[in-house]
Amino acid sequence: MRRIDNPNDFWAGLLFMSIGTAALVLSRSYAMGEAIRMGPGYFPRALGVLLLVFGAVLSLRAIRSTKEPFSVWHLRPLLIVLLSLAIFCLALKWLGLIASGIVLVFIASLASTEFRWKEALISGAIQGAFAVVLFVYGLKIPLTVWPIFIGGGQ
C-alpha cells in the first residue's frame, strides 16, 4: 500500500467525493433537462460530478505528493483578504463598482510581502473596469458604477 504524504489533502478529497456522491444520489429523482433548458436536477448533478472529479484529483495528488504538508497557518494575510472583501461589500453602494474594486484589490494586495502600491492601483482599475463590463453591461445587473458624490448610477 502506498504512503499518504499529505493526509490533509487526502481527507479533503474524500470529503469532496462524499459530498459529490450525496449530491448525485439526492438529485437522481429530479428532471435533468438540457443545457439550453435546464431542469431542477441539472445543477446538482453537474456540481456533484465536479466535486467527485476534484476530490479524486486532490486525493490522488496527496498520495503521489513528495512535498511536506503545510504546517503553519499565516492568519495575517487571510484576515487582510477577508477584511478587503468586507470593505468592498460595505463600500459598493456609496463608492460604486470601480472605486470599490480598486479599494478591494489595494487592501487585498497588502497581504503580500511583495506589495507595490502602483501595481495594486493598476490591477484594481483593470478589475473594476472588467467588473463593470461584465456585470453592468454584459449581465445587466443594476449596480452603481461611480461614487454617489460624482453622480452615481450607471
N, C-alpha and C. Protein backbone atom coordinates (compact mmCIF):
# COMPACT_ATOMS: atom_id res chain seq x y z
N MET A 1 0.85 -1.19 0.00
CA MET A 1 0.00 0.00 0.00
C MET A 1 0.89 1.25 0.00
N ARG A 2 0.44 2.24 -0.73
CA ARG A 2 1.20 3.48 -0.82
C ARG A 2 1.05 4.32 0.43
N ARG A 3 2.05 5.11 0.67
CA ARG A 3 2.07 6.01 1.82
C ARG A 3 1.37 7.32 1.44
N ILE A 4 0.54 7.83 2.32
CA ILE A 4 -0.13 9.11 2.08
C ILE A 4 0.80 10.20 2.58
N ASP A 5 1.34 10.97 1.64
CA ASP A 5 2.30 12.01 2.00
C ASP A 5 1.63 13.26 2.57
N ASN A 6 0.42 13.54 2.13
CA ASN A 6 -0.27 14.75 2.57
C ASN A 6 -1.67 14.36 3.04
N PRO A 7 -1.83 13.98 4.30
CA PRO A 7 -3.14 13.49 4.76
C PRO A 7 -4.24 14.54 4.73
N ASN A 8 -3.91 15.81 4.88
CA ASN A 8 -4.95 16.85 4.84
C ASN A 8 -5.61 16.89 3.47
N ASP A 9 -4.81 16.88 2.41
CA ASP A 9 -5.37 16.87 1.06
C ASP A 9 -6.13 15.58 0.78
N PHE A 10 -5.62 14.48 1.27
CA PHE A 10 -6.28 13.20 1.06
C PHE A 10 -7.67 13.20 1.66
N TRP A 11 -7.79 13.63 2.92
CA TRP A 11 -9.09 13.63 3.59
C TRP A 11 -10.02 14.69 3.00
N ALA A 12 -9.47 15.82 2.59
CA ALA A 12 -10.30 16.84 1.93
C ALA A 12 -10.86 16.29 0.62
N GLY A 13 -10.04 15.56 -0.12
CA GLY A 13 -10.51 14.95 -1.37
C GLY A 13 -11.62 13.95 -1.11
N LEU A 14 -11.47 13.13 -0.07
CA LEU A 14 -12.53 12.18 0.27
C LEU A 14 -13.81 12.90 0.69
N LEU A 15 -13.67 14.01 1.40
CA LEU A 15 -14.84 14.80 1.79
C LEU A 15 -15.54 15.35 0.54
N PHE A 16 -14.78 15.90 -0.41
CA PHE A 16 -15.36 16.40 -1.66
C PHE A 16 -16.09 15.28 -2.40
N MET A 17 -15.46 14.11 -2.46
CA MET A 17 -16.08 12.99 -3.18
C MET A 17 -17.36 12.53 -2.48
N SER A 18 -17.39 12.55 -1.15
CA SER A 18 -18.60 12.13 -0.45
C SER A 18 -19.73 13.15 -0.65
N ILE A 19 -19.41 14.43 -0.66
CA ILE A 19 -20.44 15.45 -0.91
C ILE A 19 -20.92 15.35 -2.35
N GLY A 20 -20.02 15.11 -3.30
CA GLY A 20 -20.40 14.94 -4.70
C GLY A 20 -21.30 13.73 -4.88
N THR A 21 -20.98 12.63 -4.20
CA THR A 21 -21.81 11.43 -4.28
C THR A 21 -23.19 11.70 -3.69
N ALA A 22 -23.24 12.39 -2.57
CA ALA A 22 -24.52 12.73 -1.95
C ALA A 22 -25.36 13.61 -2.88
N ALA A 23 -24.72 14.56 -3.55
CA ALA A 23 -25.45 15.42 -4.49
C ALA A 23 -26.03 14.60 -5.63
N LEU A 24 -25.25 13.65 -6.15
CA LEU A 24 -25.74 12.81 -7.23
C LEU A 24 -26.89 11.91 -6.78
N VAL A 25 -26.76 11.35 -5.60
CA VAL A 25 -27.81 10.45 -5.09
C VAL A 25 -29.09 11.23 -4.80
N LEU A 26 -28.95 12.38 -4.15
CA LEU A 26 -30.14 13.15 -3.77
C LEU A 26 -30.83 13.79 -4.98
N SER A 27 -30.11 14.03 -6.06
CA SER A 27 -30.72 14.69 -7.22
C SER A 27 -31.16 13.72 -8.30
N ARG A 28 -31.07 12.42 -8.05
CA ARG A 28 -31.41 11.44 -9.09
C ARG A 28 -32.89 11.45 -9.45
N SER A 29 -33.75 11.90 -8.56
CA SER A 29 -35.19 11.90 -8.87
C SER A 29 -35.64 13.19 -9.58
N TYR A 30 -34.74 14.16 -9.71
CA TYR A 30 -35.11 15.41 -10.39
C TYR A 30 -34.87 15.29 -11.88
N ALA A 31 -35.68 16.01 -12.66
CA ALA A 31 -35.52 16.01 -14.11
C ALA A 31 -34.22 16.73 -14.49
N MET A 32 -33.48 16.12 -15.39
CA MET A 32 -32.18 16.66 -15.78
C MET A 32 -32.33 17.88 -16.71
N GLY A 33 -33.13 17.77 -17.73
CA GLY A 33 -33.26 18.85 -18.70
C GLY A 33 -32.09 18.84 -19.66
N GLU A 34 -31.88 19.96 -20.34
CA GLU A 34 -30.79 20.11 -21.31
C GLU A 34 -30.01 21.36 -20.97
N ALA A 35 -28.90 21.58 -21.66
CA ALA A 35 -28.09 22.76 -21.40
C ALA A 35 -28.86 24.05 -21.71
N ILE A 36 -29.70 24.00 -22.72
CA ILE A 36 -30.48 25.20 -23.08
C ILE A 36 -31.63 25.42 -22.10
N ARG A 37 -32.27 24.34 -21.71
CA ARG A 37 -33.41 24.43 -20.79
C ARG A 37 -33.14 23.47 -19.63
N MET A 38 -32.45 23.99 -18.62
CA MET A 38 -32.03 23.15 -17.50
C MET A 38 -33.19 22.81 -16.59
N GLY A 39 -33.20 21.56 -16.16
CA GLY A 39 -34.18 21.11 -15.19
C GLY A 39 -33.65 21.29 -13.78
N PRO A 40 -34.46 20.96 -12.78
CA PRO A 40 -34.02 21.15 -11.39
C PRO A 40 -32.88 20.22 -10.98
N GLY A 41 -32.61 19.17 -11.73
CA GLY A 41 -31.53 18.26 -11.38
C GLY A 41 -30.22 18.54 -12.09
N TYR A 42 -30.23 19.49 -13.03
CA TYR A 42 -29.04 19.75 -13.84
C TYR A 42 -27.87 20.27 -13.00
N PHE A 43 -28.11 21.33 -12.24
CA PHE A 43 -27.04 21.94 -11.46
C PHE A 43 -26.52 21.02 -10.35
N PRO A 44 -27.41 20.37 -9.56
CA PRO A 44 -26.87 19.47 -8.52
C PRO A 44 -26.04 18.33 -9.10
N ARG A 45 -26.45 17.80 -10.24
CA ARG A 45 -25.67 16.72 -10.85
C ARG A 45 -24.33 17.23 -11.38
N ALA A 46 -24.36 18.38 -12.03
CA ALA A 46 -23.10 18.94 -12.54
C ALA A 46 -22.15 19.25 -11.38
N LEU A 47 -22.68 19.81 -10.32
CA LEU A 47 -21.86 20.11 -9.15
C LEU A 47 -21.34 18.83 -8.50
N GLY A 48 -22.18 17.80 -8.43
CA GLY A 48 -21.76 16.53 -7.88
C GLY A 48 -20.63 15.89 -8.67
N VAL A 49 -20.73 15.95 -10.00
CA VAL A 49 -19.66 15.39 -10.84
C VAL A 49 -18.37 16.18 -10.66
N LEU A 50 -18.46 17.50 -10.62
CA LEU A 50 -17.28 18.33 -10.42
C LEU A 50 -16.62 18.04 -9.07
N LEU A 51 -17.42 17.90 -8.03
CA LEU A 51 -16.86 17.58 -6.72
C LEU A 51 -16.21 16.21 -6.71
N LEU A 52 -16.79 15.25 -7.39
CA LEU A 52 -16.17 13.93 -7.49
C LEU A 52 -14.83 14.00 -8.20
N VAL A 53 -14.78 14.72 -9.30
CA VAL A 53 -13.53 14.84 -10.08
C VAL A 53 -12.46 15.57 -9.26
N PHE A 54 -12.81 16.73 -8.70
CA PHE A 54 -11.84 17.49 -7.92
C PHE A 54 -11.37 16.70 -6.69
N GLY A 55 -12.29 16.01 -6.05
CA GLY A 55 -11.93 15.21 -4.89
C GLY A 55 -10.98 14.07 -5.24
N ALA A 56 -11.25 13.42 -6.37
CA ALA A 56 -10.36 12.34 -6.81
C ALA A 56 -8.98 12.86 -7.14
N VAL A 57 -8.92 13.99 -7.84
CA VAL A 57 -7.62 14.58 -8.19
C VAL A 57 -6.86 14.98 -6.93
N LEU A 58 -7.55 15.58 -5.99
CA LEU A 58 -6.91 16.02 -4.75
C LEU A 58 -6.39 14.83 -3.94
N SER A 59 -7.20 13.79 -3.82
CA SER A 59 -6.77 12.61 -3.07
C SER A 59 -5.61 11.89 -3.75
N LEU A 60 -5.67 11.75 -5.07
CA LEU A 60 -4.58 11.09 -5.78
C LEU A 60 -3.29 11.90 -5.71
N ARG A 61 -3.42 13.21 -5.77
CA ARG A 61 -2.24 14.07 -5.64
C ARG A 61 -1.62 13.96 -4.26
N ALA A 62 -2.45 13.77 -3.25
CA ALA A 62 -1.94 13.64 -1.87
C ALA A 62 -1.16 12.34 -1.72
N ILE A 63 -1.56 11.31 -2.45
CA ILE A 63 -0.85 10.04 -2.37
C ILE A 63 0.49 10.13 -3.10
N ARG A 64 0.51 10.82 -4.22
CA ARG A 64 1.72 10.92 -5.02
C ARG A 64 2.63 12.06 -4.60
N SER A 65 2.17 12.94 -3.74
CA SER A 65 2.93 14.13 -3.35
C SER A 65 4.23 13.76 -2.64
N THR A 66 5.26 14.54 -2.91
CA THR A 66 6.53 14.35 -2.21
C THR A 66 6.87 15.57 -1.37
N LYS A 67 6.02 16.56 -1.39
CA LYS A 67 6.26 17.78 -0.62
C LYS A 67 5.82 17.60 0.82
N GLU A 68 6.38 18.43 1.67
CA GLU A 68 5.95 18.46 3.06
C GLU A 68 4.60 19.19 3.13
N PRO A 69 3.67 18.71 3.93
CA PRO A 69 2.41 19.42 4.08
C PRO A 69 2.62 20.75 4.81
N PHE A 70 1.72 21.67 4.55
CA PHE A 70 1.80 22.96 5.23
C PHE A 70 1.54 22.76 6.71
N SER A 71 2.42 23.28 7.53
CA SER A 71 2.24 23.11 8.96
C SER A 71 1.92 24.42 9.66
N VAL A 72 2.18 25.53 9.01
CA VAL A 72 1.97 26.82 9.64
C VAL A 72 0.89 27.59 8.89
N TRP A 73 -0.08 28.08 9.61
CA TRP A 73 -1.10 28.92 9.04
C TRP A 73 -0.71 30.37 9.30
N HIS A 74 -0.73 31.17 8.27
CA HIS A 74 -0.45 32.59 8.41
C HIS A 74 -1.79 33.31 8.43
N LEU A 75 -2.19 33.77 9.58
CA LEU A 75 -3.51 34.38 9.74
C LEU A 75 -3.57 35.80 9.21
N ARG A 76 -2.47 36.53 9.24
CA ARG A 76 -2.48 37.93 8.81
C ARG A 76 -2.96 38.08 7.36
N PRO A 77 -2.40 37.35 6.38
CA PRO A 77 -2.89 37.51 5.01
C PRO A 77 -4.35 37.10 4.86
N LEU A 78 -4.76 36.04 5.55
CA LEU A 78 -6.14 35.61 5.47
C LEU A 78 -7.09 36.69 6.00
N LEU A 79 -6.74 37.27 7.13
CA LEU A 79 -7.58 38.32 7.71
C LEU A 79 -7.61 39.58 6.84
N ILE A 80 -6.49 39.91 6.22
CA ILE A 80 -6.46 41.09 5.35
C ILE A 80 -7.35 40.89 4.13
N VAL A 81 -7.31 39.71 3.53
CA VAL A 81 -8.15 39.43 2.37
C VAL A 81 -9.63 39.45 2.76
N LEU A 82 -9.97 38.84 3.88
CA LEU A 82 -11.36 38.88 4.35
C LEU A 82 -11.81 40.29 4.67
N LEU A 83 -10.92 41.10 5.26
CA LEU A 83 -11.24 42.50 5.54
C LEU A 83 -11.48 43.26 4.24
N SER A 84 -10.68 42.99 3.21
CA SER A 84 -10.87 43.68 1.94
C SER A 84 -12.22 43.34 1.32
N LEU A 85 -12.65 42.09 1.44
CA LEU A 85 -13.97 41.70 0.93
C LEU A 85 -15.09 42.39 1.70
N ALA A 86 -14.95 42.48 3.03
CA ALA A 86 -15.97 43.14 3.84
C ALA A 86 -16.06 44.62 3.49
N ILE A 87 -14.92 45.26 3.32
CA ILE A 87 -14.93 46.69 2.97
C ILE A 87 -15.53 46.89 1.58
N PHE A 88 -15.22 45.99 0.65
CA PHE A 88 -15.80 46.07 -0.69
C PHE A 88 -17.32 46.00 -0.61
N CYS A 89 -17.85 45.06 0.16
CA CYS A 89 -19.30 44.91 0.28
C CYS A 89 -19.94 46.15 0.90
N LEU A 90 -19.29 46.72 1.90
CA LEU A 90 -19.84 47.91 2.56
C LEU A 90 -19.73 49.15 1.68
N ALA A 91 -18.67 49.26 0.90
CA ALA A 91 -18.41 50.46 0.12
C ALA A 91 -19.08 50.46 -1.25
N LEU A 92 -19.53 49.32 -1.71
CA LEU A 92 -20.07 49.22 -3.07
C LEU A 92 -21.22 50.19 -3.33
N LYS A 93 -22.10 50.34 -2.38
CA LYS A 93 -23.27 51.21 -2.56
C LYS A 93 -22.88 52.68 -2.70
N TRP A 94 -21.87 53.12 -1.93
CA TRP A 94 -21.52 54.54 -1.91
C TRP A 94 -20.38 54.89 -2.84
N LEU A 95 -19.43 53.99 -3.02
CA LEU A 95 -18.28 54.29 -3.88
C LEU A 95 -18.46 53.82 -5.32
N GLY A 96 -19.37 52.91 -5.55
CA GLY A 96 -19.57 52.39 -6.88
C GLY A 96 -18.62 51.22 -7.16
N LEU A 97 -18.87 50.56 -8.27
CA LEU A 97 -18.15 49.33 -8.59
C LEU A 97 -16.68 49.57 -8.90
N ILE A 98 -16.37 50.63 -9.61
CA ILE A 98 -14.98 50.88 -10.00
C ILE A 98 -14.13 51.23 -8.78
N ALA A 99 -14.54 52.21 -8.00
CA ALA A 99 -13.75 52.62 -6.84
C ALA A 99 -13.69 51.52 -5.78
N SER A 100 -14.78 50.80 -5.58
CA SER A 100 -14.78 49.69 -4.62
C SER A 100 -13.86 48.57 -5.08
N GLY A 101 -13.82 48.33 -6.37
CA GLY A 101 -12.89 47.32 -6.91
C GLY A 101 -11.44 47.71 -6.69
N ILE A 102 -11.15 48.97 -6.89
CA ILE A 102 -9.78 49.45 -6.64
C ILE A 102 -9.42 49.30 -5.17
N VAL A 103 -10.34 49.66 -4.28
CA VAL A 103 -10.10 49.53 -2.83
C VAL A 103 -9.92 48.06 -2.46
N LEU A 104 -10.75 47.18 -3.02
CA LEU A 104 -10.65 45.75 -2.74
C LEU A 104 -9.28 45.20 -3.10
N VAL A 105 -8.83 45.47 -4.32
CA VAL A 105 -7.54 44.94 -4.76
C VAL A 105 -6.40 45.58 -3.98
N PHE A 106 -6.49 46.86 -3.69
CA PHE A 106 -5.43 47.54 -2.97
C PHE A 106 -5.26 46.95 -1.57
N ILE A 107 -6.37 46.79 -0.84
CA ILE A 107 -6.28 46.25 0.52
C ILE A 107 -5.86 44.79 0.49
N ALA A 108 -6.40 44.00 -0.43
CA ALA A 108 -6.01 42.59 -0.51
C ALA A 108 -4.54 42.45 -0.87
N SER A 109 -4.01 43.37 -1.65
CA SER A 109 -2.59 43.32 -2.02
C SER A 109 -1.68 43.56 -0.82
N LEU A 110 -2.19 44.21 0.19
CA LEU A 110 -1.40 44.43 1.40
C LEU A 110 -1.05 43.12 2.11
N ALA A 111 -1.76 42.05 1.78
CA ALA A 111 -1.49 40.75 2.40
C ALA A 111 -0.18 40.16 1.90
N SER A 112 0.29 40.61 0.75
CA SER A 112 1.52 40.06 0.17
C SER A 112 2.74 40.78 0.74
N THR A 113 3.82 40.03 0.83
CA THR A 113 5.08 40.64 1.26
C THR A 113 5.72 41.43 0.12
N GLU A 114 5.24 41.24 -1.10
CA GLU A 114 5.78 41.93 -2.28
C GLU A 114 4.84 43.04 -2.74
N PHE A 115 4.18 43.72 -1.81
CA PHE A 115 3.20 44.76 -2.13
C PHE A 115 3.86 45.95 -2.82
N ARG A 116 3.26 46.38 -3.93
CA ARG A 116 3.67 47.60 -4.63
C ARG A 116 2.39 48.39 -4.92
N TRP A 117 2.32 49.60 -4.43
CA TRP A 117 1.07 50.34 -4.49
C TRP A 117 0.67 50.70 -5.92
N LYS A 118 1.63 50.98 -6.81
CA LYS A 118 1.27 51.31 -8.20
C LYS A 118 0.63 50.11 -8.89
N GLU A 119 1.23 48.93 -8.70
CA GLU A 119 0.68 47.73 -9.31
C GLU A 119 -0.70 47.41 -8.75
N ALA A 120 -0.89 47.64 -7.47
CA ALA A 120 -2.18 47.37 -6.84
C ALA A 120 -3.25 48.31 -7.41
N LEU A 121 -2.93 49.57 -7.59
CA LEU A 121 -3.89 50.52 -8.16
C LEU A 121 -4.23 50.19 -9.60
N ILE A 122 -3.22 49.84 -10.39
CA ILE A 122 -3.46 49.49 -11.80
C ILE A 122 -4.30 48.22 -11.89
N SER A 123 -3.95 47.21 -11.10
CA SER A 123 -4.72 45.96 -11.10
C SER A 123 -6.16 46.21 -10.65
N GLY A 124 -6.34 47.05 -9.64
CA GLY A 124 -7.68 47.39 -9.17
C GLY A 124 -8.50 48.10 -10.23
N ALA A 125 -7.87 49.01 -10.96
CA ALA A 125 -8.58 49.73 -12.01
C ALA A 125 -8.99 48.78 -13.14
N ILE A 126 -8.11 47.87 -13.51
CA ILE A 126 -8.43 46.90 -14.56
C ILE A 126 -9.56 45.98 -14.09
N GLN A 127 -9.47 45.53 -12.85
CA GLN A 127 -10.51 44.66 -12.31
C GLN A 127 -11.84 45.40 -12.23
N GLY A 128 -11.82 46.65 -11.82
CA GLY A 128 -13.04 47.44 -11.74
C GLY A 128 -13.68 47.63 -13.10
N ALA A 129 -12.87 47.96 -14.11
CA ALA A 129 -13.39 48.13 -15.47
C ALA A 129 -13.96 46.82 -16.00
N PHE A 130 -13.26 45.72 -15.76
CA PHE A 130 -13.75 44.41 -16.20
C PHE A 130 -15.07 44.06 -15.52
N ALA A 131 -15.18 44.37 -14.22
CA ALA A 131 -16.41 44.09 -13.48
C ALA A 131 -17.58 44.90 -14.04
N VAL A 132 -17.33 46.16 -14.40
CA VAL A 132 -18.39 46.98 -14.99
C VAL A 132 -18.85 46.40 -16.32
N VAL A 133 -17.89 46.04 -17.17
CA VAL A 133 -18.25 45.48 -18.48
C VAL A 133 -19.03 44.18 -18.31
N LEU A 134 -18.55 43.32 -17.41
CA LEU A 134 -19.18 42.01 -17.23
C LEU A 134 -20.54 42.11 -16.55
N PHE A 135 -20.60 42.75 -15.40
CA PHE A 135 -21.82 42.72 -14.61
C PHE A 135 -22.85 43.77 -15.02
N VAL A 136 -22.41 44.98 -15.29
CA VAL A 136 -23.37 46.05 -15.60
C VAL A 136 -23.83 45.97 -17.05
N TYR A 137 -22.88 45.84 -17.98
CA TYR A 137 -23.26 45.84 -19.39
C TYR A 137 -23.53 44.45 -19.94
N GLY A 138 -22.76 43.46 -19.52
CA GLY A 138 -22.95 42.11 -20.03
C GLY A 138 -24.15 41.41 -19.42
N LEU A 139 -24.21 41.36 -18.09
CA LEU A 139 -25.28 40.65 -17.39
C LEU A 139 -26.45 41.56 -17.01
N LYS A 140 -26.32 42.85 -17.25
CA LYS A 140 -27.38 43.83 -16.97
C LYS A 140 -27.81 43.85 -15.50
N ILE A 141 -26.82 43.72 -14.60
CA ILE A 141 -27.10 43.80 -13.16
C ILE A 141 -27.04 45.28 -12.77
N PRO A 142 -28.10 45.79 -12.16
CA PRO A 142 -28.12 47.22 -11.83
C PRO A 142 -27.23 47.56 -10.63
N LEU A 143 -25.97 47.82 -10.90
CA LEU A 143 -25.02 48.20 -9.86
C LEU A 143 -24.59 49.65 -10.07
N THR A 144 -24.26 50.32 -8.98
CA THR A 144 -23.74 51.67 -9.06
C THR A 144 -22.31 51.60 -9.58
N VAL A 145 -22.02 52.33 -10.64
CA VAL A 145 -20.70 52.28 -11.27
C VAL A 145 -19.77 53.32 -10.65
N TRP A 146 -20.27 54.54 -10.48
CA TRP A 146 -19.44 55.64 -9.96
C TRP A 146 -19.87 56.01 -8.56
N PRO A 147 -19.01 56.65 -7.80
CA PRO A 147 -19.40 57.08 -6.45
C PRO A 147 -20.62 58.00 -6.47
N ILE A 148 -21.38 57.96 -5.41
CA ILE A 148 -22.61 58.77 -5.31
C ILE A 148 -22.29 60.24 -5.44
N PHE A 149 -21.19 60.71 -4.83
CA PHE A 149 -20.87 62.15 -4.86
C PHE A 149 -20.42 62.62 -6.25
N ILE A 150 -20.12 61.70 -7.15
CA ILE A 150 -19.75 62.09 -8.53
C ILE A 150 -20.97 62.05 -9.43
N GLY A 151 -21.98 61.33 -9.06
CA GLY A 151 -23.16 61.24 -9.89
C GLY A 151 -23.84 59.90 -9.76
N GLY A 152 -23.11 58.92 -9.25
CA GLY A 152 -23.66 57.60 -9.01
C GLY A 152 -24.29 57.01 -10.26
N GLY A 153 -25.05 56.00 -10.07
CA GLY A 153 -25.76 55.35 -11.17
C GLY A 153 -24.82 54.74 -12.18
N GLN A 154 -25.35 54.57 -13.38
CA GLN A 154 -24.57 53.92 -14.43
C GLN A 154 -24.13 54.92 -15.45
